[in-house]
């Protein structure tokens, strides 16, 4: 089983334990009891749950708080007791999953990717049981609900990042590296850090990690509204878990499992958002059917993104859902900056309307799923100028093992230049619309930011002195070589004749 598969098991079971631990702690508090550990909490909860006088009130309190109730026989703590007593059955965990999924729409099909009876877990039911029991034992020592703030959510995020590192190309389906996510988030929320009810939209949300960064950058984290869509069902479920583990209220989550390009979403209010963050699949295929020319997202441009390169289809989708005073940041390959045809026509219209605000070149090998250099394109709807800020940050990074990483200093430098729209030698440049027009709407960064470093001039006297020194070294080396050759003797007459002929050729070439 590769990392992309077993992450579903591990992260899903962690999430189930989190729901169980959180409910046990709350139940003990509601019963005005004290428990030093989860084992004691389980005993208190089980006794109260089976007390006919308080059973219904306790269930109602839990349902109101969490929208789910885990019966005492299905809590993670009870199941781990059965693991230790060797009476655990996979069906008990499966039933616990089912009960959660059926408790509320927010949990529907949440654990559907966890096949507890997969032969990849073991060739027999006993071995499958042993594999899952082993995972549960490793997790049993951790009280997932006993931490405050985002500690658990950040740990979960870290684990997703580790799975991304191990998953190779499949990582791009669910994860944006944190430094890139931090940079994009700071750009999108700039100037609105204190806004209540900030709405963020990611129509290719993966595990939700990109839009969750808004929570770290705002002073009103509990009011943020999260809108996200994801085509891959496994990844969609991962995002749902990720948001819950970060303490995002279910009432603030608006997530959808569908194809963003084929199925525009959301189509009911609200449809526009304060910030749009996107890291879509690069140069993906899409239908590009002619009917899309009448789609409100693409109609204003008169052409569609090429069938084999959906980059601009994703960009225009996100841009359509941006508020008039909002900011959008999207990561794409550099080809979108200079390719011709339909993409050039779309670029031209966006530039003529003043919608492309900045183009930021990132280092190569910064994502887990590709080594190619990428670019962040920043778009706005209400920018009253038509100039574009270009930043070439491609050579500023730290190398960690095989990956290039943006450091906090790298991010701070980019943000300073971005916020102040600075022109810096060999790093950034604000290009006027006229310059861009002269370049036929080509946004390739080297056309605007010259990073060429001239070779230092060397005086002729130094060059001739160096040549004399090299010639002297060569003469010495040749003399040593001929001295060693003179000591060689063939072991037979024939070998000796060959050796003498070889020496004569070498000396002849040298003298010639």
Protein backbone atom coordinates (compact mmCIF):
# COMPACT_ATOMS: atom_id res chain seq x y z
CA UNK A 1 0.00 0.00 0.00
CA UNK A 2 1.53 3.33 -1.00
CA UNK A 3 1.47 6.50 1.09
CA UNK A 4 -1.45 7.94 -0.83
CA UNK A 5 -3.57 4.91 0.17
CA UNK A 6 -2.58 4.32 3.76
CA UNK A 7 -3.04 8.00 4.62
CA UNK A 8 -6.80 7.38 4.33
CA UNK A 9 -6.63 4.71 7.04
CA UNK A 10 -4.33 6.51 9.42
CA UNK A 11 -5.88 9.97 9.13
CA UNK A 12 -9.41 8.52 9.21
CA UNK A 13 -8.79 6.53 12.39
CA UNK A 14 -7.11 9.55 14.00
CA UNK A 15 -10.21 11.58 13.17
CA UNK A 16 -12.52 8.96 14.67
CA UNK A 17 -10.45 8.92 17.86
CA UNK A 18 -10.60 12.72 17.95
CA UNK A 19 -14.41 12.69 17.72
CA UNK A 20 -14.57 10.00 20.41
CA UNK A 21 -12.13 11.70 22.82
CA UNK A 22 -13.79 15.08 22.38
CA UNK A 23 -17.22 13.64 23.14
CA UNK A 24 -15.99 11.78 26.26
CA UNK A 25 -14.41 14.94 27.71
CA UNK A 26 -17.60 16.92 27.08
CA UNK A 27 -19.82 14.19 28.57
CA UNK A 28 -17.78 14.14 31.78
CA UNK A 29 -18.04 17.94 32.04
CA UNK A 30 -21.82 17.85 31.48
CA UNK A 31 -22.16 15.20 34.19
CA UNK A 32 -20.09 17.43 36.52
CA UNK A 33 -17.66 14.62 37.13
CA UNK A 34 -13.85 14.49 37.01
CA UNK A 35 -11.71 12.07 35.04
CA UNK A 36 -7.92 11.96 35.07
CA UNK A 37 -7.74 10.02 31.82
CA UNK A 38 -9.86 8.65 28.98
CA UNK A 39 -10.31 5.27 30.70
CA UNK A 40 -11.99 6.98 33.66
CA UNK A 41 -14.00 9.20 31.32
CA UNK A 42 -15.21 6.09 29.47
CA UNK A 43 -16.39 4.45 32.72
CA UNK A 44 -18.27 7.60 33.81
CA UNK A 45 -19.87 7.99 30.37
CA UNK A 46 -20.91 4.32 30.08
CA UNK A 47 -22.54 4.33 33.50
CA UNK A 48 -24.45 7.56 32.81
CA UNK A 49 -25.47 6.46 29.29
CA UNK A 50 -27.11 3.32 30.69
CA UNK A 51 -28.88 5.19 33.50
CA UNK A 52 -32.50 5.50 32.31
CA UNK A 53 -33.00 8.70 34.32
CA UNK A 54 -30.34 10.72 32.49
CA UNK A 55 -29.89 8.73 29.27
CA UNK A 56 -32.07 10.94 27.03
CA UNK A 57 -30.83 14.24 28.49
CA UNK A 58 -27.22 13.17 27.99
CA UNK A 59 -27.86 12.12 24.38
CA UNK A 60 -29.65 15.40 23.64
CA UNK A 61 -26.77 17.44 25.11
CA UNK A 62 -24.21 15.55 23.01
CA UNK A 63 -26.33 15.80 19.87
CA UNK A 64 -26.76 19.55 20.35
CA UNK A 65 -23.03 20.08 20.84
CA UNK A 66 -21.54 17.72 18.25
CA UNK A 67 -24.39 16.59 15.95
CA UNK A 68 -23.32 12.99 16.75
CA UNK A 69 -23.38 10.53 19.63
CA UNK A 70 -20.99 7.59 19.90
CA UNK A 71 -22.51 4.82 22.00
CA UNK A 72 -20.27 3.59 24.85
CA UNK A 73 -19.52 0.26 23.11
CA UNK A 74 -18.16 2.08 20.04
CA UNK A 75 -15.93 4.78 21.55
CA UNK A 76 -12.29 4.51 20.59
CA UNK A 77 -11.41 4.02 24.27
CA UNK A 78 -13.74 1.01 24.56
CA UNK A 79 -12.46 -0.47 21.31
CA UNK A 80 -8.86 -0.17 22.46
CA UNK A 81 -9.81 -1.96 25.70
CA UNK A 82 -11.10 -4.79 23.49
CA UNK A 83 -7.88 -4.74 21.46
CA UNK A 84 -5.88 -5.28 24.66
CA UNK A 85 -8.23 -8.07 25.80
CA UNK A 86 -8.04 -9.63 22.31
CA UNK A 87 -11.82 -9.43 21.85
CA UNK A 88 -11.81 -6.58 19.30
CA UNK A 89 -13.75 -7.09 16.07
CA UNK A 90 -13.39 -4.89 13.00
CA UNK A 91 -17.17 -4.76 12.69
CA UNK A 92 -17.34 -2.68 15.89
CA UNK A 93 -15.13 0.03 14.39
CA UNK A 94 -17.06 -0.20 11.11
CA UNK A 95 -20.33 0.30 13.02
CA UNK A 96 -18.84 3.29 14.81
CA UNK A 97 -17.99 4.80 11.40
CA UNK A 98 -21.54 4.14 10.15
CA UNK A 99 -23.15 5.73 13.18
CA UNK A 100 -21.10 8.91 12.75
CA UNK A 101 -21.88 9.09 9.02
CA UNK A 102 -25.62 8.68 9.64
CA UNK A 103 -25.79 11.22 12.48
CA UNK A 104 -25.80 14.38 10.32
CA UNK A 105 -25.33 15.54 6.72
CA UNK A 106 -22.00 17.09 7.69
CA UNK A 107 -20.61 13.58 8.34
CA UNK A 108 -22.24 11.73 5.42
CA UNK A 109 -19.86 9.20 3.75
CA UNK A 110 -16.93 10.62 5.70
CA UNK A 111 -15.23 7.23 6.21
CA UNK A 112 -16.16 5.63 2.88
CA UNK A 113 -12.52 5.39 1.76
CA UNK A 114 -11.55 3.23 4.71
CA UNK A 115 -12.03 -0.40 3.65
CA UNK A 116 -11.40 -2.31 6.87
CA UNK A 117 -11.72 -5.60 5.00
CA UNK A 118 -9.23 -4.83 2.22
CA UNK A 119 -6.85 -7.68 1.42
CA UNK A 120 -4.08 -5.07 1.38
CA UNK A 121 -4.42 -5.05 5.18
CA UNK A 122 -3.91 -8.80 5.32
CA UNK A 123 -4.85 -11.94 3.44
CA UNK A 124 -7.19 -13.20 6.19
CA UNK A 125 -9.75 -11.50 8.48
CA UNK A 126 -7.45 -12.22 11.43
CA UNK A 127 -4.51 -10.44 9.79
CA UNK A 128 -6.73 -7.49 8.79
CA UNK A 129 -7.85 -7.28 12.42
CA UNK A 130 -4.23 -7.37 13.61
CA UNK A 131 -3.19 -4.58 11.21
CA UNK A 132 -5.96 -2.20 12.32
CA UNK A 133 -5.41 -3.16 15.98
CA UNK A 134 -1.74 -2.27 15.61
CA UNK A 135 -2.60 1.20 14.27
CA UNK A 136 -5.10 1.76 17.09
CA UNK A 137 -2.55 0.75 19.75
CA UNK A 138 -0.05 3.30 18.38
CA UNK A 139 -2.67 6.05 18.58
CA UNK A 140 -4.16 5.02 21.93
CA UNK A 141 -1.56 6.84 24.02
CA UNK A 142 -2.49 10.25 22.60
CA UNK A 143 -5.44 12.25 23.93
CA UNK A 144 -6.44 13.99 20.70
CA UNK A 145 -9.09 16.18 22.30
CA UNK A 146 -6.99 17.28 25.25
CA UNK A 147 -5.17 20.07 23.40
CA UNK A 148 -6.20 23.67 22.99
CA UNK A 149 -6.15 25.86 19.91
CA UNK A 150 -4.87 24.52 16.61
CA UNK A 151 -2.27 22.12 18.03
CA UNK A 152 -4.06 19.01 16.78
CA UNK A 153 -5.03 20.62 13.48
CA UNK A 154 -1.44 21.67 12.89
CA UNK A 155 -0.19 18.17 13.75
CA UNK A 156 -2.72 16.74 11.30
CA UNK A 157 -1.54 19.25 8.71
CA UNK A 158 2.05 18.15 9.35
CA UNK A 159 1.09 14.52 8.78
CA UNK A 160 -0.67 15.40 5.52
CA UNK A 161 2.55 17.16 4.48
CA UNK A 162 4.58 14.05 5.30
CA UNK A 163 2.21 11.90 3.25
CA UNK A 164 2.57 14.42 0.42
CA UNK A 165 6.35 14.08 0.63
CA UNK A 166 6.03 10.28 0.33
CA UNK A 167 3.33 10.32 -2.34
CA UNK A 168 5.33 11.84 -5.20
CA UNK A 169 3.20 13.05 -8.07
CA UNK A 170 -0.06 12.19 -6.32
CA UNK A 171 0.77 14.79 -3.65
CA UNK A 172 -0.41 17.56 -5.95
CA UNK A 173 -3.92 16.19 -5.62
CA UNK A 174 -4.19 17.14 -1.98
CA UNK A 175 -1.45 19.42 -0.68
CA UNK A 176 0.16 22.83 -1.18
CA UNK A 177 3.45 23.23 0.76
CA UNK A 178 2.98 25.48 3.77
CA UNK A 179 5.45 28.26 2.79
CA UNK A 180 3.67 28.73 -0.55
CA UNK A 181 0.28 28.59 1.16
CA UNK A 182 1.43 31.18 3.71
CA UNK A 183 2.65 33.55 1.00
CA UNK A 184 -0.54 33.27 -1.05
CA UNK A 185 -2.74 33.71 2.01
CA UNK A 186 -0.92 36.83 3.19
CA UNK A 187 -1.35 38.30 -0.30
CA UNK A 188 -5.07 37.54 -0.48
CA UNK A 189 -5.98 38.82 2.99
CA UNK A 190 -3.70 41.88 2.92
CA UNK A 191 -5.61 44.91 4.20
CA UNK A 192 -8.52 42.78 5.43
CA UNK A 193 -6.87 41.07 8.39
CA UNK A 194 -9.46 42.60 10.78
CA UNK A 195 -12.53 41.96 8.64
CA UNK A 196 -15.31 39.96 10.28
CA UNK A 197 -16.86 37.22 8.19
CA UNK A 198 -14.05 37.08 5.63
CA UNK A 199 -15.06 34.57 2.92
CA UNK A 200 -12.43 32.42 1.21
CA UNK A 201 -12.98 30.17 -1.81
CA UNK A 202 -10.80 27.36 -3.14
CA UNK A 203 -12.44 25.48 -6.03
CA UNK A 204 -9.57 22.95 -6.19
CA UNK A 205 -9.20 22.65 -2.44
CA UNK A 206 -7.40 19.31 -2.01
CA UNK A 207 -7.10 18.73 1.76
CA UNK A 208 -8.21 22.30 2.48
CA UNK A 209 -4.77 23.30 3.74
CA UNK A 210 -4.48 26.33 1.47
CA UNK A 211 -7.65 28.10 2.57
CA UNK A 212 -7.16 27.08 6.22
CA UNK A 213 -4.17 29.43 6.35
CA UNK A 214 -6.63 32.35 6.40
CA UNK A 215 -7.37 31.31 9.99
CA UNK A 216 -3.76 32.07 10.92
CA UNK A 217 -3.69 35.50 9.26
CA UNK A 218 -6.97 37.02 10.46
CA UNK A 219 -7.81 38.60 13.82
CA UNK A 220 -11.35 37.19 13.47
CA UNK A 221 -10.66 33.45 12.93
CA UNK A 222 -14.01 32.22 14.24
CA UNK A 223 -15.96 34.25 11.67
CA UNK A 224 -14.17 33.08 8.52
CA UNK A 225 -16.45 31.39 5.96
CA UNK A 226 -14.83 28.53 4.01
CA UNK A 227 -16.08 27.59 0.54
CA UNK A 228 -14.32 24.74 -1.23
CA UNK A 229 -14.84 22.22 -4.01
CA UNK A 230 -12.86 19.07 -4.77
CA UNK A 231 -13.31 16.45 -7.51
CA UNK A 232 -11.56 13.55 -5.71
CA UNK A 233 -13.89 12.05 -3.10
CA UNK A 234 -11.10 10.72 -0.86
CA UNK A 235 -9.43 14.13 -0.84
CA UNK A 236 -12.77 15.87 -0.28
CA UNK A 237 -13.31 13.76 2.85
CA UNK A 238 -9.78 14.57 3.99
CA UNK A 239 -10.59 18.29 3.69
CA UNK A 240 -13.76 17.87 5.75
CA UNK A 241 -11.79 16.16 8.52
CA UNK A 242 -9.02 18.77 8.29
CA UNK A 243 -11.43 21.69 8.77
CA UNK A 244 -13.14 20.02 11.73
CA UNK A 245 -9.81 19.19 13.37
CA UNK A 246 -8.86 22.88 13.03
CA UNK A 247 -11.98 23.77 14.99
CA UNK A 248 -13.87 25.30 12.08
CA UNK A 249 -17.58 25.29 13.04
CA UNK A 250 -19.69 23.14 10.73
CA UNK A 251 -21.89 26.21 10.16
CA UNK A 252 -18.85 27.96 8.60
CA UNK A 253 -18.02 25.11 6.19
CA UNK A 254 -19.46 25.02 2.69
CA UNK A 255 -17.76 22.15 0.86
CA UNK A 256 -18.75 20.36 -2.33
CA UNK A 257 -17.54 17.17 -4.06
CA UNK A 258 -17.70 17.77 -7.83
CA UNK A 259 -15.77 18.74 -10.98
CA UNK A 260 -15.11 22.49 -10.75
CA UNK A 261 -14.93 23.14 -14.48
CA UNK A 262 -17.88 20.97 -15.51
CA UNK A 263 -20.06 21.94 -12.52
CA UNK A 264 -19.85 25.60 -11.60
CA UNK A 265 -20.30 25.95 -7.85
CA UNK A 266 -21.61 27.74 -5.91
CA UNK A 267 -24.47 28.99 -8.07
CA UNK A 268 -26.64 30.19 -5.17
CA UNK A 269 -25.76 33.12 -2.92
CA UNK A 270 -23.11 33.79 -1.95
CA UNK A 271 -21.34 33.24 -5.26
CA UNK A 272 -18.53 35.82 -4.90
CA UNK A 273 -15.86 35.87 -2.21
CA UNK A 274 -13.37 38.17 -0.49
CA UNK A 275 -10.45 35.92 -1.33
CA UNK A 276 -9.85 33.18 -3.89
CA UNK A 277 -6.93 30.77 -3.41
CA UNK A 278 -6.11 28.12 -6.00
CA UNK A 279 -3.45 25.53 -6.76
CA UNK A 280 -5.15 23.60 -9.59
CA UNK A 281 -3.69 20.63 -11.49
CA UNK A 282 -1.23 22.04 -14.04
CA UNK A 283 -2.01 21.86 -17.75
CA UNK A 284 -4.79 19.34 -17.17
CA UNK A 285 -7.19 18.10 -19.83
CA UNK A 286 -10.77 19.33 -19.88
CA UNK A 287 -13.67 19.02 -22.34
CA UNK A 288 -13.47 22.61 -23.73
CA UNK A 289 -16.90 21.91 -25.26
CA UNK A 290 -18.31 24.78 -27.36
CA UNK A 291 -21.21 25.12 -24.96
CA UNK A 292 -18.78 26.65 -22.46
CA UNK A 293 -18.63 29.76 -24.69
CA UNK A 294 -22.08 30.60 -23.29
CA UNK A 295 -20.99 29.91 -19.71
CA UNK A 296 -20.94 33.12 -17.64
CA UNK A 297 -17.43 32.25 -16.41
CA UNK A 298 -15.89 32.13 -19.89
CA UNK A 299 -18.26 34.02 -22.22
CA UNK A 300 -16.65 37.50 -21.79
CA UNK A 301 -13.41 36.23 -23.34
CA UNK A 302 -14.82 34.77 -26.56
CA UNK A 303 -12.43 31.80 -26.51
CA UNK A 304 -11.82 28.79 -24.29
CA UNK A 305 -8.65 27.48 -22.72
CA UNK A 306 -7.13 24.72 -24.90
CA UNK A 307 -8.49 21.22 -24.39
CA UNK A 308 -5.07 19.95 -23.29
CA UNK A 309 -4.32 22.92 -21.02
CA UNK A 310 -7.10 23.87 -18.61
CA UNK A 311 -4.94 26.42 -16.74
CA UNK A 312 -6.87 29.48 -17.88
CA UNK A 313 -10.21 27.68 -17.43
CA UNK A 314 -9.36 27.28 -13.73
CA UNK A 315 -8.12 30.87 -13.51
CA UNK A 316 -11.28 32.32 -15.11
CA UNK A 317 -13.50 30.16 -12.91
CA UNK A 318 -11.85 31.47 -9.75
CA UNK A 319 -11.81 35.04 -11.05
CA UNK A 320 -15.54 34.91 -11.82
CA UNK A 321 -16.20 34.07 -8.16
CA UNK A 322 -14.07 36.95 -6.82
CA UNK A 323 -15.76 39.97 -5.21
CA UNK A 324 -15.22 43.33 -6.92
CA UNK A 325 -12.92 44.41 -4.06
CA UNK A 326 -11.37 40.98 -3.47
CA UNK A 327 -7.97 39.47 -4.26
CA UNK A 328 -7.18 36.17 -5.97
CA UNK A 329 -3.91 34.22 -5.97
CA UNK A 330 -3.41 31.16 -8.19
CA UNK A 331 -0.35 28.96 -8.80
CA UNK A 332 0.22 27.91 -12.43
CA UNK A 333 3.09 26.80 -14.69
CA UNK A 334 5.01 29.54 -16.53
CA UNK A 335 3.48 28.59 -19.89
CA UNK A 336 0.35 30.62 -19.08
CA UNK A 337 2.50 33.77 -19.17
CA UNK A 338 3.60 33.49 -22.79
CA UNK A 339 1.73 30.80 -24.75
CA UNK A 340 -0.11 32.06 -27.84
CA UNK A 341 -3.50 31.28 -29.36
CA UNK A 342 -6.56 31.32 -27.10
CA UNK A 343 -4.43 31.82 -24.00
CA UNK A 344 -2.90 34.98 -25.45
CA UNK A 345 -6.39 36.36 -26.19
CA UNK A 346 -7.54 35.69 -22.63
CA UNK A 347 -4.35 37.29 -21.23
CA UNK A 348 -4.88 40.36 -23.42
CA UNK A 349 -8.45 40.93 -22.19
CA UNK A 350 -7.44 40.48 -18.56
CA UNK A 351 -4.57 42.96 -19.01
CA UNK A 352 -6.68 45.50 -20.92
CA UNK A 353 -9.18 45.46 -18.06
CA UNK A 354 -6.44 45.89 -15.45
CA UNK A 355 -7.18 42.57 -13.74
CA UNK A 356 -3.65 41.11 -13.55
CA UNK A 357 -2.09 42.81 -10.54
CA UNK A 358 1.15 40.87 -10.04
CA UNK A 359 3.18 37.94 -11.39
CA UNK A 360 5.54 36.22 -8.94
CA UNK A 361 8.09 33.66 -10.17
CA UNK A 362 8.76 30.89 -7.63
CA UNK A 363 11.80 28.59 -7.39
CA UNK A 364 11.78 25.25 -9.18
CA UNK A 365 11.34 22.03 -7.20
CA UNK A 366 9.17 23.71 -4.57
CA UNK A 367 6.17 21.41 -4.92
CA UNK A 368 6.08 17.69 -4.15
CA UNK A 369 4.43 16.70 -7.42
CA UNK A 370 6.58 18.61 -9.93
CA UNK A 371 10.08 20.04 -10.18
CA UNK A 372 9.14 22.73 -12.73
CA UNK A 373 9.25 26.40 -11.72
CA UNK A 374 5.81 27.89 -11.13
CA UNK A 375 4.27 31.33 -10.86
CA UNK A 376 1.72 32.97 -8.59
CA UNK A 377 -0.62 35.22 -10.54
CA UNK A 378 -2.45 37.80 -8.43
CA UNK A 379 -5.72 39.18 -9.82
CA UNK A 380 -8.04 42.01 -8.76
CA UNK A 381 -11.27 43.36 -10.20
CA UNK A 382 -11.15 46.94 -8.96
CA UNK A 383 -7.53 47.91 -9.67
CA UNK A 384 -7.76 51.29 -11.46
CA UNK A 385 -4.36 51.04 -13.19
CA UNK A 386 -3.17 48.59 -15.80
CA UNK A 387 0.44 48.17 -14.74
CA UNK A 388 1.73 44.79 -13.53
CA UNK A 389 4.24 44.06 -10.79
CA UNK A 390 6.75 41.35 -11.71
CA UNK A 391 8.78 39.61 -9.00
CA UNK A 392 11.50 37.08 -9.78
CA UNK A 393 11.92 35.08 -6.56
CA UNK A 394 13.17 32.00 -8.42
CA UNK A 395 16.68 32.02 -6.98
CA UNK A 396 15.89 32.73 -3.32
CA UNK A 397 15.22 29.59 -1.28
CA UNK A 398 16.76 27.08 1.11
CA UNK A 399 17.45 23.53 -0.05
CA UNK A 400 16.22 20.88 2.40
CA UNK A 401 17.24 17.42 1.22
CA UNK A 402 15.79 17.20 -2.30
CA UNK A 403 13.22 19.98 -1.88
CA UNK A 404 13.55 23.75 -2.29
CA UNK A 405 11.83 25.69 0.50
CA UNK A 406 10.74 29.32 0.79
CA UNK A 407 12.04 30.68 4.10
CA UNK A 408 10.30 33.26 6.28
CA UNK A 409 12.87 35.80 5.05
CA UNK A 410 12.09 34.92 1.42
CA UNK A 411 8.35 35.34 2.08
CA UNK A 412 8.87 38.64 3.92
CA UNK A 413 10.91 40.05 1.02
CA UNK A 414 8.29 39.08 -1.55
CA UNK A 415 5.50 40.58 0.58
CA UNK A 416 7.38 43.84 1.14
CA UNK A 417 7.91 44.29 -2.59
CA UNK A 418 4.32 43.21 -3.32
CA UNK A 419 2.66 45.54 -0.80
CA UNK A 420 4.80 48.55 -1.77
CA UNK A 421 4.94 47.69 -5.49
CA UNK A 422 8.68 48.27 -5.50
CA UNK A 423 11.07 48.05 -8.41
CA UNK A 424 14.30 46.38 -7.23
CA UNK A 425 17.33 45.73 -9.39
CA UNK A 426 17.40 42.10 -10.60
CA UNK A 427 14.37 41.22 -8.43
CA UNK A 428 11.22 43.17 -9.31
CA UNK A 429 9.77 45.66 -11.79
CA UNK A 430 6.47 47.48 -12.27
CA UNK A 431 5.71 47.35 -16.01
CA UNK A 432 3.33 49.84 -17.58
CA UNK A 433 0.52 48.65 -19.82
CA UNK A 434 2.31 50.24 -22.78
CA UNK A 435 5.41 48.12 -22.15
CA UNK A 436 3.31 44.98 -21.89
CA UNK A 437 1.48 45.91 -25.08
CA UNK A 438 4.82 46.38 -26.86
CA UNK A 439 5.70 42.86 -25.74
CA UNK A 440 2.48 41.62 -27.37
CA UNK A 441 0.97 40.77 -23.94
CA UNK A 442 3.74 38.31 -23.19
CA UNK A 443 4.20 38.19 -19.39
CA UNK A 444 7.33 36.06 -19.31
CA UNK A 445 9.17 37.39 -16.26
CA UNK A 446 12.69 37.71 -17.81
CA UNK A 447 11.26 40.24 -20.29
CA UNK A 448 10.70 42.63 -17.39
CA UNK A 449 13.14 41.60 -14.64
CA UNK A 450 16.72 41.38 -15.90
CA UNK A 451 18.66 39.02 -13.65
CA UNK A 452 21.69 38.79 -15.95
CA UNK A 453 24.99 38.90 -14.07
CA UNK A 454 27.93 40.03 -16.26
CA UNK A 455 31.16 38.09 -15.94
CA UNK A 456 33.77 40.17 -14.07
CA UNK A 457 36.37 41.76 -16.36
CA UNK A 458 39.89 40.32 -16.04
CA UNK A 459 42.89 42.54 -16.98
CA UNK A 460 45.00 41.28 -19.95
CA UNK A 461 48.12 41.33 -17.77
CA UNK A 462 46.44 38.85 -15.37
CA UNK A 463 45.40 36.62 -18.28
CA UNK A 464 48.96 36.52 -19.75
CA UNK A 465 50.47 35.84 -16.32
CA UNK A 466 47.99 33.00 -15.85
CA UNK A 467 48.89 31.57 -19.28
CA UNK A 468 52.62 31.62 -18.45
CA UNK A 469 51.91 29.86 -15.14
CA UNK A 470 49.77 27.18 -16.83
CA UNK A 471 52.40 26.58 -19.54
CA UNK A 472 55.10 26.15 -16.88
CA UNK A 473 52.91 23.62 -15.04
CA UNK A 474 52.31 21.73 -18.29
CA UNK A 475 56.07 21.60 -19.05
CA UNK A 476 56.81 20.24 -15.58
CA UNK A 477 54.03 17.60 -15.92
CA UNK A 478 55.35 16.49 -19.34
CA UNK A 479 58.89 16.12 -18.03
CA UNK A 480 57.61 13.97 -15.15
CA UNK A 481 55.58 11.85 -17.57
CA UNK A 482 58.59 11.18 -19.87
CA UNK A 483 60.77 10.36 -16.86
CA UNK A 484 58.22 7.73 -15.76
CA UNK A 485 57.96 6.36 -19.31
CA UNK A 486 61.76 5.98 -19.38
CA UNK A 487 61.53 3.60 -16.43
CA UNK A 488 59.05 1.29 -18.15
CA UNK A 489 60.40 -1.99 -19.62
CA UNK A 490 58.45 -4.60 -21.63
CA UNK A 491 58.24 -8.10 -20.15
CA UNK A 492 58.75 -9.70 -23.61
CA UNK A 493 60.65 -8.65 -26.72
CA UNK A 494 57.37 -8.03 -28.51
CA UNK A 495 55.97 -5.94 -25.64
CA UNK A 496 59.22 -4.02 -25.45
CA UNK A 497 59.08 -3.19 -29.18
CA UNK A 498 55.47 -1.92 -28.76
CA UNK A 499 56.48 0.20 -25.76
CA UNK A 500 59.44 1.78 -27.62
CA UNK A 501 57.17 2.56 -30.59
CA UNK A 502 54.63 4.18 -28.22
CA UNK A 503 57.36 6.32 -26.61
CA UNK A 504 58.63 7.40 -30.05
CA UNK A 505 55.08 8.46 -31.11
CA UNK A 506 54.56 10.45 -27.90
CA UNK A 507 57.93 12.21 -28.26
CA UNK A 508 57.27 12.84 -31.92
CA UNK A 509 53.86 14.42 -31.15
CA UNK A 510 55.41 16.44 -28.38
CA UNK A 511 58.31 17.67 -30.53
CA UNK A 512 55.94 18.34 -33.44
